[in-house]
Amino acid sequence: MTDIHKEVDPVTTGISQKGLSTGTVGLIGAVVIGISCIAPAYTFTAGVGGAADAVGTQIPAILLVGFIPMLLVAFGYRELNRVMPDSGTSFTWAARAFGPWVGWMAGWGLIAATILVLSNLAGIAVDFLFLLIAQITNNPEIADITLNPFINVAVCLLFVAAAAWISYRDMQTSQKLQYWLVGFQLLVLIAFAIVAIVRASQGDAYDPTPFSWGWFNPFAVPDLMMVVAGLSVSIFMFWGWDVTLTMNEETKDPERTPGRAAALTIVSIIIVYLLLTIGMTMFAGMGTDGLGLRNPDISGNVFFYLSGEIFGPLAFLVSLAVLTSSASSLQSTMVGPARTLLAMGHYGALPKKYASVSPRFFTPGYATIASAVAAGGFYAVMRFVSEDALWDTIAALGIMICFYYGVTAFACVWYFRHQWFDSVRNTFFTFLFPLIGGVMLLGLFVLSMGEAWRGELGSDATLFGMSLVFVLGMGVILLGVVIMIIQYFRAPDFFRGKTLGVYAPPSERVRSTR
């Protein structure tokens, strides 16, 4: 009998190109699109009131604590992208680390989260469009038009259609538009913060509050659940940076540019947020009435209420910044789910039609349209189910963010398990950092689901006798499981590892002996 040692190459079912336009996005362009996706003007005005209510003057501390898991997970994303620059990101990486079933659910988590936020962004754009018109015309009644659900949904669908049209075109078109929109947004936000700080320092403010380094101390928050509540808002305010990774097949130097762009995006955002938080706290204080940041009547749109006091006749610029923030984010956010759907179709995890690329623009045409239809349809349904649809989707979004970011972080840890201690760098960036980030997000996911089950997250809206936020969070996950099982019976090759196999390091490659 003879012994024949045959090594089976696990990379035969590895990642592959999908026909997207390559080398069209540079580092600056990726950072701009990343910032646009986060939509700092919109997310800050929507989130700072809730953060103030939870932790008071310790908002800077909570922002920094929320920044930590985002940065740690971003390091994991960077390492995975370095060896597997694939537009499927979480889907592809989790499938290569844990197998097709976990990979499919990670991809579904990303798609679901972005569909939720797309509908949310479109709704915010509608609200601020009418607010802006009301400010310019000095006719407050115009702002109430957004309360008509039929007009609201119709205008929302127009925003979604416009964003889809721009996303359908080449990435160069998207970049050029985003440079202007993001530049204007950041200029207004920084000017807003500086004016607030200067006027507060001069005593010319609503409630002048002296700056304190104690605001950066998270241990000054007396209750752990307050910290958790603040972190949930903080996670929402940072979400979106991973869009820089979904463009990895279209970037210059795809192994390094997306990871660098993700880190620069997060760092840029935390700087802007801290500047705004300090300015608002110094100017308005933490009172529970008037313009105080803990006043529940203004917590949903702090910029709108403070803009007149801080900017005077130029207050409309703030509403315009939030409008452009949500509108530009609507377009850039569509990049993520479209490319994830493209990858899932390419590898057979979804029907092949999702893998189609526009022959003219080299973009995921069918997937982009599908994302737009899903987002518009979801918002239309939610708008009639709950008057607080925006806030319920924000709460459900936080749950989905923790889910798929956490899975991706653990995928990094497991994928590089044989290289953890090859160097000090590997120990930190492929093991400790993503592990800590993943554990933090997993803990937030469990706590958030518990809060949603008890009806303490989002609005008081219910569906089937349960909190609407819980139904959304759990329902979206279960829907993903159902679709995954259906797809398994329709096209099982992906789930059998025939189109995207699990990576096996050399020490684990199969040897057969005869």
Protein backbone atom coordinates (compact mmCIF):
# COMPACT_ATOMS: atom_id res chain seq x y z
CA MET A 1 0.00 0.00 0.00
CA THR A 2 1.34 3.44 -0.89
CA ASP A 3 0.92 6.63 1.09
CA ILE A 4 -0.19 9.63 -0.89
CA HIS A 5 -0.34 12.94 0.99
CA LYS A 6 -2.59 15.38 -0.75
CA GLU A 7 -3.11 18.91 0.53
CA VAL A 8 -6.53 20.36 -0.26
CA ASP A 9 -6.28 24.09 -0.97
CA PRO A 10 -9.02 25.90 1.02
CA VAL A 11 -8.70 29.03 -1.09
CA THR A 12 -10.37 27.47 -4.11
CA THR A 13 -13.65 28.72 -2.67
CA GLY A 14 -12.21 32.07 -1.63
CA ILE A 15 -13.23 35.65 -2.45
CA SER A 16 -13.41 36.95 -6.01
CA GLN A 17 -14.10 40.15 -7.94
CA LYS A 18 -17.67 41.11 -8.83
CA GLY A 19 -17.27 43.53 -11.73
CA LEU A 20 -17.32 46.79 -9.77
CA SER A 21 -15.31 49.80 -10.94
CA THR A 22 -11.84 49.52 -9.35
CA GLY A 23 -9.51 52.28 -8.15
CA THR A 24 -12.14 55.04 -8.19
CA VAL A 25 -12.20 55.99 -4.48
CA GLY A 26 -9.18 57.45 -2.68
CA LEU A 27 -8.57 57.89 1.05
CA ILE A 28 -10.15 61.36 1.30
CA GLY A 29 -13.14 60.29 -0.77
CA ALA A 30 -13.70 57.25 1.45
CA VAL A 31 -13.49 59.36 4.63
CA VAL A 32 -15.96 61.89 3.21
CA ILE A 33 -18.44 59.14 2.32
CA GLY A 34 -17.92 57.59 5.77
CA ILE A 35 -18.68 60.89 7.53
CA SER A 36 -21.66 61.41 5.26
CA CYS A 37 -23.03 57.99 6.18
CA ILE A 38 -22.77 58.76 9.90
CA ALA A 39 -24.61 62.06 9.23
CA PRO A 40 -23.22 63.95 12.26
CA ALA A 41 -25.67 66.87 12.04
CA TYR A 42 -28.67 64.57 12.08
CA THR A 43 -27.40 61.93 14.53
CA PHE A 44 -26.16 64.52 17.00
CA THR A 45 -29.37 66.52 17.14
CA ALA A 46 -31.35 63.28 17.43
CA GLY A 47 -29.09 61.70 20.05
CA VAL A 48 -27.70 64.42 22.30
CA GLY A 49 -31.02 65.03 24.08
CA GLY A 50 -31.35 61.37 25.04
CA ALA A 51 -27.72 61.26 26.15
CA ALA A 52 -28.18 64.39 28.28
CA ASP A 53 -31.28 62.91 29.91
CA ALA A 54 -29.35 59.73 30.74
CA VAL A 55 -26.02 61.10 32.00
CA GLY A 56 -26.29 64.90 32.29
CA THR A 57 -23.01 66.77 31.91
CA GLN A 58 -21.11 63.49 31.46
CA ILE A 59 -22.05 63.33 27.75
CA PRO A 60 -18.39 63.74 26.69
CA ALA A 61 -17.46 60.78 28.90
CA ILE A 62 -20.20 58.59 27.45
CA LEU A 63 -19.27 59.57 23.91
CA LEU A 64 -15.68 58.55 24.59
CA VAL A 65 -16.79 55.25 26.16
CA GLY A 66 -19.08 54.59 23.16
CA PHE A 67 -16.19 55.51 20.89
CA ILE A 68 -14.04 52.73 22.40
CA PRO A 69 -15.94 49.65 21.08
CA MET A 70 -16.36 51.36 17.70
CA LEU A 71 -12.61 51.94 17.42
CA LEU A 72 -11.74 48.45 18.69
CA VAL A 73 -14.12 46.82 16.21
CA ALA A 74 -12.75 49.08 13.45
CA PHE A 75 -9.31 47.61 14.09
CA GLY A 76 -10.79 44.15 13.56
CA TYR A 77 -12.45 45.32 10.34
CA ARG A 78 -9.12 46.71 9.18
CA GLU A 79 -7.30 43.43 9.76
CA LEU A 80 -9.96 41.40 7.97
CA ASN A 81 -10.00 43.82 5.06
CA ARG A 82 -6.21 43.63 4.80
CA VAL A 83 -6.36 39.92 3.92
CA MET A 84 -9.86 39.81 2.37
CA PRO A 85 -10.84 43.08 0.65
CA ASP A 86 -14.37 42.07 -0.34
CA SER A 87 -17.50 44.19 -0.72
CA GLY A 88 -19.46 41.65 1.35
CA THR A 89 -17.49 42.70 4.49
CA SER A 90 -19.33 41.24 7.52
CA PHE A 91 -21.05 38.59 5.38
CA THR A 92 -17.88 37.41 3.65
CA TRP A 93 -15.62 37.60 6.69
CA ALA A 94 -18.01 35.80 9.06
CA ALA A 95 -18.61 33.11 6.43
CA ARG A 96 -14.86 32.58 6.01
CA ALA A 97 -14.38 32.46 9.79
CA PHE A 98 -17.44 30.60 11.10
CA GLY A 99 -19.11 29.08 8.05
CA PRO A 100 -21.98 29.98 5.70
CA TRP A 101 -24.82 30.04 8.24
CA VAL A 102 -23.20 32.57 10.58
CA GLY A 103 -21.92 34.53 7.58
CA TRP A 104 -25.41 34.74 6.10
CA MET A 105 -26.85 36.12 9.35
CA ALA A 106 -24.02 38.66 9.68
CA GLY A 107 -24.80 39.88 6.17
CA TRP A 108 -28.49 39.99 6.99
CA GLY A 109 -27.77 42.03 10.13
CA LEU A 110 -25.89 44.64 8.08
CA ILE A 111 -28.61 44.80 5.44
CA ALA A 112 -31.41 45.04 8.01
CA ALA A 113 -29.63 47.78 9.98
CA THR A 114 -29.03 49.86 6.89
CA ILE A 115 -32.59 49.42 5.63
CA LEU A 116 -33.81 50.62 9.03
CA VAL A 117 -31.58 53.67 8.96
CA LEU A 118 -32.34 54.44 5.31
CA SER A 119 -36.03 54.71 6.13
CA ASN A 120 -35.18 56.78 9.19
CA LEU A 121 -32.96 59.17 7.25
CA ALA A 122 -35.61 59.67 4.59
CA GLY A 123 -38.17 60.52 7.27
CA ILE A 124 -35.81 63.02 8.91
CA ALA A 125 -35.12 64.65 5.53
CA VAL A 126 -38.86 65.15 5.06
CA ASP A 127 -39.29 66.73 8.50
CA PHE A 128 -36.40 69.15 8.04
CA LEU A 129 -37.45 70.07 4.53
CA PHE A 130 -40.71 71.48 5.85
CA LEU A 131 -38.99 72.97 8.93
CA LEU A 132 -36.53 74.77 6.68
CA ILE A 133 -39.31 76.13 4.46
CA ALA A 134 -41.20 77.27 7.56
CA GLN A 135 -38.12 79.12 8.84
CA ILE A 136 -37.33 80.80 5.54
CA THR A 137 -40.94 81.91 4.94
CA ASN A 138 -41.54 82.69 8.62
CA ASN A 139 -44.68 80.55 8.46
CA PRO A 140 -44.65 77.94 11.28
CA GLU A 141 -47.77 76.22 9.90
CA ILE A 142 -45.75 74.82 6.99
CA ALA A 143 -43.77 72.67 9.42
CA ASP A 144 -47.01 70.88 10.38
CA ILE A 145 -47.46 69.56 6.84
CA THR A 146 -45.08 66.75 7.73
CA LEU A 147 -47.67 65.44 10.20
CA ASN A 148 -49.91 64.42 7.29
CA PRO A 149 -48.86 60.78 6.78
CA PHE A 150 -49.79 60.69 3.09
CA ILE A 151 -47.75 63.79 2.21
CA ASN A 152 -44.97 62.63 4.52
CA VAL A 153 -44.67 59.21 2.88
CA ALA A 154 -44.95 60.62 -0.66
CA VAL A 155 -42.11 63.10 -0.14
CA CYS A 156 -40.09 60.43 1.67
CA LEU A 157 -40.35 58.11 -1.34
CA LEU A 158 -39.12 60.94 -3.58
CA PHE A 159 -36.03 61.35 -1.38
CA VAL A 160 -35.37 57.59 -1.50
CA ALA A 161 -35.78 57.52 -5.29
CA ALA A 162 -33.36 60.43 -5.75
CA ALA A 163 -30.78 58.78 -3.48
CA ALA A 164 -31.12 55.50 -5.37
CA TRP A 165 -30.64 57.26 -8.70
CA ILE A 166 -27.40 58.89 -7.54
CA SER A 167 -26.13 55.64 -5.97
CA TYR A 168 -26.92 53.77 -9.18
CA ARG A 169 -24.50 56.01 -11.04
CA ASP A 170 -20.73 55.66 -10.73
CA MET A 171 -18.85 56.31 -7.46
CA GLN A 172 -17.27 59.45 -8.92
CA THR A 173 -20.70 61.10 -9.04
CA SER A 174 -21.33 60.15 -5.41
CA GLN A 175 -17.95 61.47 -4.30
CA LYS A 176 -18.35 64.85 -5.99
CA LEU A 177 -21.79 65.36 -4.43
CA GLN A 178 -20.61 64.27 -0.97
CA TYR A 179 -17.64 66.67 -0.94
CA TRP A 180 -20.02 69.62 -1.10
CA LEU A 181 -22.69 68.26 1.24
CA VAL A 182 -20.29 67.02 3.92
CA GLY A 183 -18.12 70.14 3.68
CA PHE A 184 -21.11 72.44 4.25
CA GLN A 185 -22.41 70.25 7.10
CA LEU A 186 -19.10 70.21 8.99
CA LEU A 187 -18.57 73.95 8.46
CA VAL A 188 -21.94 74.78 10.03
CA LEU A 189 -21.45 72.35 12.94
CA ILE A 190 -17.99 73.64 13.83
CA ALA A 191 -19.13 77.27 13.55
CA PHE A 192 -22.15 76.45 15.75
CA ALA A 193 -19.93 74.94 18.45
CA ILE A 194 -17.38 77.76 18.40
CA VAL A 195 -20.03 80.51 18.59
CA ALA A 196 -21.71 78.68 21.52
CA ILE A 197 -18.41 78.33 23.40
CA VAL A 198 -17.38 81.95 22.84
CA ARG A 199 -20.74 83.37 23.86
CA ALA A 200 -20.94 81.14 26.94
CA SER A 201 -17.42 82.19 27.97
CA GLN A 202 -18.53 85.80 27.72
CA GLY A 203 -21.65 85.14 29.79
CA ASP A 204 -23.89 85.82 26.80
CA ALA A 205 -25.78 82.51 26.86
CA TYR A 206 -29.09 80.99 27.93
CA ASP A 207 -27.57 79.25 30.96
CA PRO A 208 -23.80 79.89 31.03
CA THR A 209 -22.09 76.79 32.44
CA PRO A 210 -18.33 76.84 33.12
CA PHE A 211 -16.33 74.14 31.35
CA SER A 212 -15.12 71.27 33.54
CA TRP A 213 -12.73 68.40 32.84
CA GLY A 214 -14.99 66.38 35.12
CA TRP A 215 -17.41 66.05 32.20
CA PHE A 216 -15.00 63.46 30.76
CA ASN A 217 -15.21 61.15 33.79
CA PRO A 218 -17.61 58.21 33.15
CA PHE A 219 -17.38 57.11 36.79
CA ALA A 220 -19.23 60.27 37.82
CA VAL A 221 -22.45 58.73 36.43
CA PRO A 222 -24.21 57.33 39.54
CA ASP A 223 -26.17 54.48 37.93
CA LEU A 224 -24.92 51.67 35.65
CA MET A 225 -28.20 51.58 33.68
CA MET A 226 -27.75 55.29 32.94
CA VAL A 227 -24.37 54.42 31.45
CA VAL A 228 -25.98 51.65 29.36
CA ALA A 229 -28.71 54.04 28.16
CA GLY A 230 -26.12 56.64 27.24
CA LEU A 231 -23.99 54.03 25.47
CA SER A 232 -26.95 52.88 23.39
CA VAL A 233 -27.39 56.43 22.12
CA SER A 234 -23.64 56.78 21.62
CA ILE A 235 -23.47 53.60 19.51
CA PHE A 236 -26.22 54.97 17.27
CA MET A 237 -24.36 58.27 16.90
CA PHE A 238 -21.20 56.54 15.63
CA TRP A 239 -22.80 54.00 13.31
CA GLY A 240 -22.03 54.14 9.60
CA TRP A 241 -18.23 54.24 9.43
CA ASP A 242 -18.12 50.68 8.05
CA VAL A 243 -19.45 51.92 4.68
CA THR A 244 -15.80 52.71 3.91
CA LEU A 245 -15.11 48.95 3.99
CA THR A 246 -17.99 47.99 1.69
CA MET A 247 -16.31 50.09 -1.02
CA ASN A 248 -13.04 48.17 -0.68
CA GLU A 249 -13.20 46.66 -4.17
CA GLU A 250 -13.58 50.18 -5.61
CA THR A 251 -10.85 51.93 -3.62
CA LYS A 252 -7.27 52.65 -4.49
CA ASP A 253 -4.96 50.31 -2.52
CA PRO A 254 -7.90 48.17 -1.28
CA GLU A 255 -5.85 46.34 1.36
CA ARG A 256 -5.05 49.53 3.29
CA THR A 257 -7.22 52.47 2.22
CA PRO A 258 -10.61 51.24 3.59
CA GLY A 259 -9.18 50.43 7.03
CA ARG A 260 -7.42 53.76 7.28
CA ALA A 261 -10.56 55.56 6.13
CA ALA A 262 -12.65 53.81 8.81
CA ALA A 263 -10.26 54.85 11.60
CA LEU A 264 -9.99 58.45 10.32
CA THR A 265 -13.78 58.67 10.01
CA ILE A 266 -14.36 57.60 13.62
CA VAL A 267 -11.67 59.91 15.00
CA SER A 268 -13.01 62.88 12.98
CA ILE A 269 -16.53 62.26 14.26
CA ILE A 270 -15.55 62.03 17.94
CA ILE A 271 -13.70 65.37 17.65
CA VAL A 272 -16.75 67.09 16.12
CA TYR A 273 -19.11 65.52 18.69
CA LEU A 274 -16.98 66.54 21.67
CA LEU A 275 -16.71 70.11 20.37
CA LEU A 276 -20.50 70.31 19.90
CA THR A 277 -21.23 68.74 23.27
CA ILE A 278 -18.97 71.17 25.11
CA GLY A 279 -20.46 74.13 23.26
CA MET A 280 -24.07 73.12 23.90
CA THR A 281 -23.49 72.31 27.56
CA MET A 282 -21.69 75.60 28.19
CA PHE A 283 -24.40 77.58 26.38
CA ALA A 284 -27.65 75.87 27.42
CA GLY A 285 -26.85 73.96 30.60
CA MET A 286 -28.68 70.87 31.82
CA GLY A 287 -31.97 72.38 32.88
CA THR A 288 -35.25 70.52 32.40
CA ASP A 289 -37.16 73.46 30.94
CA GLY A 290 -36.64 76.13 28.32
CA LEU A 291 -33.51 75.50 26.29
CA GLY A 292 -31.95 73.22 28.90
CA LEU A 293 -30.56 70.06 27.28
CA ARG A 294 -32.60 67.83 29.62
CA ASN A 295 -35.90 69.41 28.61
CA PRO A 296 -37.88 66.53 27.05
CA ASP A 297 -39.74 68.97 24.79
CA ILE A 298 -36.59 69.80 22.82
CA SER A 299 -34.63 66.55 23.20
CA GLY A 300 -35.66 65.19 19.80
CA ASN A 301 -34.25 68.15 17.85
CA VAL A 302 -31.87 70.20 19.97
CA PHE A 303 -30.27 72.01 17.02
CA PHE A 304 -33.60 73.44 15.88
CA TYR A 305 -34.40 74.94 19.27
CA LEU A 306 -30.91 76.30 20.01
CA SER A 307 -30.13 77.58 16.52
CA GLY A 308 -32.13 80.80 16.89
CA GLU A 309 -30.43 81.70 20.18
CA ILE A 310 -26.93 80.91 18.91
CA PHE A 311 -27.04 81.84 15.22
CA GLY A 312 -29.79 84.46 15.21
CA PRO A 313 -30.98 85.28 11.66
CA LEU A 314 -28.69 82.58 10.29
CA ALA A 315 -30.55 79.86 12.20
CA PHE A 316 -31.90 78.44 8.95
CA LEU A 317 -28.35 77.28 8.14
CA VAL A 318 -28.59 74.74 10.95
CA SER A 319 -31.82 73.28 9.59
CA LEU A 320 -30.26 73.25 6.13
CA ALA A 321 -27.22 71.42 7.55
CA VAL A 322 -29.41 68.74 9.13
CA LEU A 323 -31.44 68.44 5.92
CA THR A 324 -28.29 68.02 3.82
CA SER A 325 -26.89 65.67 6.47
CA SER A 326 -29.84 63.29 6.30
CA ALA A 327 -30.19 63.61 2.51
CA SER A 328 -26.50 63.00 1.81
CA SER A 329 -26.42 60.14 4.31
CA LEU A 330 -29.46 58.62 2.61
CA GLN A 331 -27.42 58.39 -0.58
CA SER A 332 -24.11 57.23 0.95
CA THR A 333 -25.77 54.73 3.28
CA MET A 334 -27.31 53.02 0.27
CA VAL A 335 -23.78 52.01 -0.76
CA GLY A 336 -23.51 49.47 2.08
CA PRO A 337 -26.56 47.22 1.66
CA ALA A 338 -26.31 47.32 -2.14
CA ARG A 339 -22.77 45.96 -2.08
CA THR A 340 -23.53 43.39 0.60
CA LEU A 341 -26.52 42.17 -1.44
CA LEU A 342 -24.23 42.10 -4.48
CA ALA A 343 -21.72 39.90 -2.65
CA MET A 344 -24.42 37.58 -1.32
CA GLY A 345 -25.81 37.16 -4.82
CA HIS A 346 -22.31 36.67 -6.24
CA TYR A 347 -21.53 33.81 -3.84
CA GLY A 348 -24.97 32.21 -4.16
CA ALA A 349 -26.29 33.20 -0.72
CA LEU A 350 -29.12 35.07 -2.48
CA PRO A 351 -30.60 34.73 -5.99
CA LYS A 352 -28.10 35.52 -8.75
CA LYS A 353 -30.03 38.61 -9.90
CA TYR A 354 -28.60 40.46 -6.88
CA ALA A 355 -25.13 39.92 -8.36
CA SER A 356 -25.91 41.92 -11.49
CA VAL A 357 -23.70 44.95 -12.13
CA SER A 358 -24.68 47.90 -14.31
CA PRO A 359 -22.69 47.56 -17.57
CA ARG A 360 -22.59 51.35 -17.89
CA PHE A 361 -21.81 52.50 -14.34
CA PHE A 362 -20.22 49.33 -12.88
CA THR A 363 -22.38 49.59 -9.77
CA PRO A 364 -24.69 46.98 -8.17
CA GLY A 365 -27.77 48.08 -10.11
CA TYR A 366 -30.39 45.52 -9.05
CA ALA A 367 -29.21 45.51 -5.41
CA THR A 368 -29.37 49.31 -5.24
CA ILE A 369 -32.96 49.35 -6.50
CA ALA A 370 -33.90 46.51 -4.12
CA SER A 371 -32.43 48.46 -1.16
CA ALA A 372 -34.40 51.57 -2.11
CA VAL A 373 -37.68 49.66 -2.51
CA ALA A 374 -37.19 47.91 0.86
CA ALA A 375 -36.35 51.16 2.68
CA GLY A 376 -39.25 53.08 1.17
CA GLY A 377 -41.72 50.28 1.78
CA PHE A 378 -40.58 49.79 5.36
CA TYR A 379 -40.91 53.50 6.16
CA ALA A 380 -44.36 53.71 4.58
CA VAL A 381 -45.62 50.83 6.72
CA MET A 382 -43.96 52.08 9.91
CA ARG A 383 -45.28 55.61 9.45
CA PHE A 384 -48.86 54.34 9.59
CA VAL A 385 -48.19 51.80 12.38
CA SER A 386 -46.49 54.22 14.79
CA GLU A 387 -46.44 58.02 15.03
CA ASP A 388 -43.03 57.62 16.67
CA ALA A 389 -41.72 55.51 13.80
CA LEU A 390 -38.42 57.41 13.67
CA TRP A 391 -37.53 56.81 17.30
CA ASP A 392 -38.65 53.18 17.26
CA THR A 393 -36.47 52.48 14.24
CA ILE A 394 -33.52 54.20 15.96
CA ALA A 395 -33.95 51.89 18.96
CA ALA A 396 -34.23 48.80 16.74
CA LEU A 397 -31.24 50.01 14.74
CA GLY A 398 -29.08 50.00 17.88
CA ILE A 399 -29.93 46.33 18.42
CA MET A 400 -28.97 45.37 14.87
CA ILE A 401 -25.73 47.39 15.02
CA CYS A 402 -24.57 45.54 18.13
CA PHE A 403 -25.51 42.23 16.48
CA TYR A 404 -23.57 42.43 13.24
CA TYR A 405 -20.64 44.54 14.52
CA GLY A 406 -20.22 42.02 17.34
CA VAL A 407 -20.31 39.01 15.00
CA THR A 408 -17.72 40.66 12.75
CA ALA A 409 -15.44 41.42 15.70
CA PHE A 410 -15.54 37.77 16.81
CA ALA A 411 -14.94 36.69 13.21
CA CYS A 412 -11.67 38.65 13.28
CA VAL A 413 -10.61 36.98 16.52
CA TRP A 414 -11.36 33.47 15.25
CA TYR A 415 -10.03 33.94 11.73
CA PHE A 416 -6.59 34.97 12.99
CA ARG A 417 -6.49 32.49 15.90
CA HIS A 418 -3.25 30.88 14.68
CA GLN A 419 -1.51 34.25 14.42
CA TRP A 420 -2.46 35.87 17.73
CA PHE A 421 0.99 35.65 19.25
CA ASP A 422 3.16 35.93 16.15
CA SER A 423 3.89 39.54 17.10
CA VAL A 424 2.86 42.18 19.62
CA ARG A 425 0.89 43.88 16.85
CA ASN A 426 -1.10 40.73 16.13
CA THR A 427 -1.82 40.20 19.81
CA PHE A 428 -3.49 43.58 20.07
CA PHE A 429 -5.08 44.08 16.66
CA THR A 430 -6.26 40.56 15.81
CA PHE A 431 -7.02 39.33 19.32
CA LEU A 432 -7.41 41.72 22.25
CA PHE A 433 -8.92 44.79 20.56
CA PRO A 434 -11.64 43.04 18.50
CA LEU A 435 -12.37 40.63 21.37
CA ILE A 436 -12.99 43.44 23.86
CA GLY A 437 -15.03 45.39 21.31
CA GLY A 438 -17.10 42.31 20.45
CA VAL A 439 -17.80 41.48 24.10
CA MET A 440 -18.90 45.07 24.79
CA LEU A 441 -21.28 45.04 21.84
CA LEU A 442 -22.64 41.60 22.71
CA GLY A 443 -23.37 42.83 26.22
CA LEU A 444 -25.19 45.88 24.85
CA PHE A 445 -27.16 43.65 22.47
CA VAL A 446 -28.41 41.46 25.34
CA LEU A 447 -29.21 44.44 27.57
CA SER A 448 -31.00 46.27 24.74
CA MET A 449 -33.15 43.25 23.92
CA GLY A 450 -34.05 42.96 27.59
CA GLU A 451 -35.01 46.64 27.76
CA ALA A 452 -37.07 46.29 24.57
CA TRP A 453 -38.87 43.21 25.96
CA ARG A 454 -39.85 45.21 29.05
CA GLY A 455 -41.10 48.06 26.86
CA GLU A 456 -38.49 50.50 28.18
CA LEU A 457 -36.81 51.17 24.84
CA GLY A 458 -38.33 53.44 22.19
CA SER A 459 -41.93 54.67 22.30
CA ASP A 460 -44.96 53.12 23.97
CA ALA A 461 -46.17 51.67 20.65
CA THR A 462 -47.01 47.96 20.72
CA LEU A 463 -47.64 45.25 18.14
CA PHE A 464 -49.11 41.83 18.95
CA GLY A 465 -49.15 42.88 22.60
CA MET A 466 -45.37 43.42 22.68
CA SER A 467 -43.12 46.48 22.45
CA LEU A 468 -42.79 47.59 18.83
CA VAL A 469 -39.01 47.90 19.27
CA PHE A 470 -38.77 44.30 20.49
CA VAL A 471 -40.96 43.09 17.62
CA LEU A 472 -38.75 44.97 15.16
CA GLY A 473 -35.47 43.75 16.65
CA MET A 474 -36.41 40.11 17.14
CA GLY A 475 -38.70 40.04 14.11
CA VAL A 476 -35.96 41.22 11.77
CA ILE A 477 -33.58 38.53 13.07
CA LEU A 478 -36.20 35.77 12.76
CA LEU A 479 -37.14 36.98 9.28
CA GLY A 480 -33.50 36.58 8.32
CA VAL A 481 -33.50 33.00 9.61
CA VAL A 482 -36.61 32.18 7.58
CA ILE A 483 -35.21 33.68 4.35
CA MET A 484 -31.91 31.89 4.96
CA ILE A 485 -33.63 28.50 5.27
CA ILE A 486 -35.70 29.13 2.13
CA GLN A 487 -32.54 30.05 0.24
CA TYR A 488 -30.84 26.88 1.48
CA PHE A 489 -33.50 24.71 -0.18
CA ARG A 490 -33.51 26.84 -3.35
CA ALA A 491 -29.72 27.01 -3.83
CA PRO A 492 -27.76 24.93 -1.30
CA ASP A 493 -24.26 25.29 -2.79
CA PHE A 494 -23.34 28.31 -0.68
CA PHE A 495 -24.47 26.61 2.53
CA ARG A 496 -22.40 23.55 1.63
CA GLY A 497 -19.26 25.65 1.30
CA LYS A 498 -18.99 25.21 -2.47
CA THR A 499 -18.96 28.91 -3.37
CA LEU A 500 -17.34 30.56 -0.32
CA GLY A 501 -15.43 28.14 1.88
CA VAL A 502 -14.26 28.49 5.46
CA TYR A 503 -10.61 29.52 5.59
CA ALA A 504 -8.31 26.84 6.95
CA PRO A 505 -4.75 27.83 7.91
CA PRO A 506 -1.92 25.56 6.68
CA SER A 507 -1.79 23.66 9.97
CA GLU A 508 -5.43 22.60 9.58
CA ARG A 509 -5.55 21.79 5.87
CA VAL A 510 -6.89 18.35 5.18
CA ARG A 511 -4.51 15.55 4.32
CA SER A 512 -5.89 12.30 3.03
CA THR A 513 -3.88 9.11 3.35
CA ARG A 514 -4.12 5.98 1.31
